């Protein structure tokens, strides 16, 4: 799961080396914290948050197939 999120984020940004994903457990679900370079924040969030919403939707559907609950937080 972490590798999938890392791959998606690195594919979207100009500085893929600056992308980090931190995984933590909380309240019965796994929380992934995605950090990117400040200049790439708009590329990950997208216009009106559309890209961020689709990343979260994709990750939740993959997790549901594995019987897990996750959420994705984009950190600034």
C-alpha atoms as a PDB file:
ATOM      1  CA  UNK A   1       0.000   0.000   0.000  1.00  0.00           C
ATOM      2  CA  UNK A   2       2.724   2.443   0.976  1.00  0.00           C
ATOM      3  CA  UNK A   3       4.648   1.637  -2.198  1.00  0.00           C
ATOM      4  CA  UNK A   4       1.560   2.270  -4.348  1.00  0.00           C
ATOM      5  CA  UNK A   5       0.990   5.705  -2.823  1.00  0.00           C
ATOM      6  CA  UNK A   6       4.675   6.537  -3.214  1.00  0.00           C
ATOM      7  CA  UNK A   7       4.595   5.493  -6.870  1.00  0.00           C
ATOM      8  CA  UNK A   8       1.476   7.556  -7.615  1.00  0.00           C
ATOM      9  CA  UNK A   9       2.851  10.678  -5.922  1.00  0.00           C
ATOM     10  CA  UNK A  10       6.289  10.384  -7.545  1.00  0.00           C
ATOM     11  CA  UNK A  11       4.635  10.091 -10.951  1.00  0.00           C
ATOM     12  CA  UNK A  12       2.767  13.371 -10.453  1.00  0.00           C
ATOM     13  CA  UNK A  13       5.508  15.689  -9.175  1.00  0.00           C
ATOM     14  CA  UNK A  14       8.571  17.401 -10.636  1.00  0.00           C
ATOM     15  CA  UNK A  15      10.808  16.446  -7.676  1.00  0.00           C
ATOM     16  CA  UNK A  16      10.183  12.732  -6.977  1.00  0.00           C
ATOM     17  CA  UNK A  17      13.107  12.497  -4.535  1.00  0.00           C
ATOM     18  CA  UNK A  18      11.306  14.870  -2.145  1.00  0.00           C
ATOM     19  CA  UNK A  19       8.240  12.596  -1.849  1.00  0.00           C
ATOM     20  CA  UNK A  20       7.912  10.743   1.456  1.00  0.00           C
ATOM     21  CA  UNK A  21       5.152   8.541   2.830  1.00  0.00           C
ATOM     22  CA  UNK A  22       4.833   7.861   6.547  1.00  0.00           C
ATOM     23  CA  UNK A  23       2.584   5.087   7.813  1.00  0.00           C
ATOM     24  CA  UNK A  24       0.964   5.080  11.239  1.00  0.00           C
ATOM     25  CA  UNK A  25      -1.796   3.129  12.929  1.00  0.00           C
ATOM     26  CA  UNK A  26      -4.744   4.827  14.579  1.00  0.00           C
ATOM     27  CA  UNK A  27      -8.401   4.173  15.463  1.00  0.00           C
ATOM     28  CA  UNK A  28      -8.587   0.830  13.652  1.00  0.00           C
ATOM     29  CA  UNK A  29      -7.215   2.194  10.405  1.00  0.00           C
ATOM     30  CA  UNK A  30      -3.876   2.914   8.808  1.00  0.00           C
ATOM     31  CA  UNK A  31      -3.070   6.556   8.109  1.00  0.00           C
ATOM     32  CA  UNK A  32      -0.627   7.420   5.329  1.00  0.00           C
ATOM     33  CA  UNK A  33       0.944  10.872   5.529  1.00  0.00           C
ATOM     34  CA  UNK A  34       2.125  12.085   2.123  1.00  0.00           C
ATOM     35  CA  UNK A  35       4.746  14.860   2.008  1.00  0.00           C
ATOM     36  CA  UNK A  36       5.925  16.523  -1.200  1.00  0.00           C
ATOM     37  CA  UNK A  37       8.050  19.553  -2.047  1.00  0.00           C
ATOM     38  CA  UNK A  38       6.197  22.866  -1.549  1.00  0.00           C
ATOM     39  CA  UNK A  39       6.327  23.597  -5.285  1.00  0.00           C
ATOM     40  CA  UNK A  40       4.655  20.275  -6.095  1.00  0.00           C
ATOM     41  CA  UNK A  41       1.777  20.597  -3.628  1.00  0.00           C
ATOM     42  CA  UNK A  42      -0.602  21.906  -6.309  1.00  0.00           C
ATOM     43  CA  UNK A  43       0.124  18.955  -8.574  1.00  0.00           C
ATOM     44  CA  UNK A  44      -0.816  16.468  -5.872  1.00  0.00           C
ATOM     45  CA  UNK A  45      -3.920  18.336  -4.742  1.00  0.00           C
ATOM     46  CA  UNK A  46      -5.143  19.419  -8.166  1.00  0.00           C
ATOM     47  CA  UNK A  47      -7.764  21.944  -9.126  1.00  0.00           C
ATOM     48  CA  UNK A  48     -10.506  22.024  -6.477  1.00  0.00           C
ATOM     49  CA  UNK A  49      -8.841  19.002  -4.814  1.00  0.00           C
ATOM     50  CA  UNK A  50      -9.792  16.586  -7.592  1.00  0.00           C
ATOM     51  CA  UNK A  51      -6.457  14.750  -7.778  1.00  0.00           C
ATOM     52  CA  UNK A  52      -6.215  14.410  -3.987  1.00  0.00           C
ATOM     53  CA  UNK A  53      -9.761  13.030  -3.909  1.00  0.00           C
ATOM     54  CA  UNK A  54      -8.973  10.481  -6.626  1.00  0.00           C
ATOM     55  CA  UNK A  55      -5.773   9.380  -4.863  1.00  0.00           C
ATOM     56  CA  UNK A  56      -7.781   8.808  -1.681  1.00  0.00           C
ATOM     57  CA  UNK A  57     -10.516   6.947  -3.573  1.00  0.00           C
ATOM     58  CA  UNK A  58      -8.009   4.682  -5.308  1.00  0.00           C
ATOM     59  CA  UNK A  59      -6.149   3.894  -2.093  1.00  0.00           C
ATOM     60  CA  UNK A  60      -9.387   3.160  -0.207  1.00  0.00           C
ATOM     61  CA  UNK A  61     -10.594   0.786  -2.921  1.00  0.00           C
ATOM     62  CA  UNK A  62      -7.294  -1.121  -2.915  1.00  0.00           C
ATOM     63  CA  UNK A  63      -7.417  -1.332   0.884  1.00  0.00           C
ATOM     64  CA  UNK A  64     -11.022  -2.523   0.841  1.00  0.00           C
ATOM     65  CA  UNK A  65     -10.061  -5.407  -1.428  1.00  0.00           C
ATOM     66  CA  UNK A  66      -7.544  -6.435   1.238  1.00  0.00           C
ATOM     67  CA  UNK A  67     -10.073  -5.977   4.047  1.00  0.00           C
ATOM     68  CA  UNK A  68      -8.313  -2.946   5.518  1.00  0.00           C
ATOM     69  CA  UNK A  69      -9.275   0.646   6.286  1.00  0.00           C
ATOM     70  CA  UNK A  70      -6.943   3.481   5.369  1.00  0.00           C
ATOM     71  CA  UNK A  71      -6.862   7.229   4.979  1.00  0.00           C
ATOM     72  CA  UNK A  72      -4.427   9.509   3.185  1.00  0.00           C
ATOM     73  CA  UNK A  73      -3.339  12.831   4.673  1.00  0.00           C
ATOM     74  CA  UNK A  74      -1.442  15.275   2.480  1.00  0.00           C
ATOM     75  CA  UNK A  75       0.949  17.185   4.707  1.00  0.00           C
ATOM     76  CA  UNK A  76       2.288  20.636   3.976  1.00  0.00           C
END
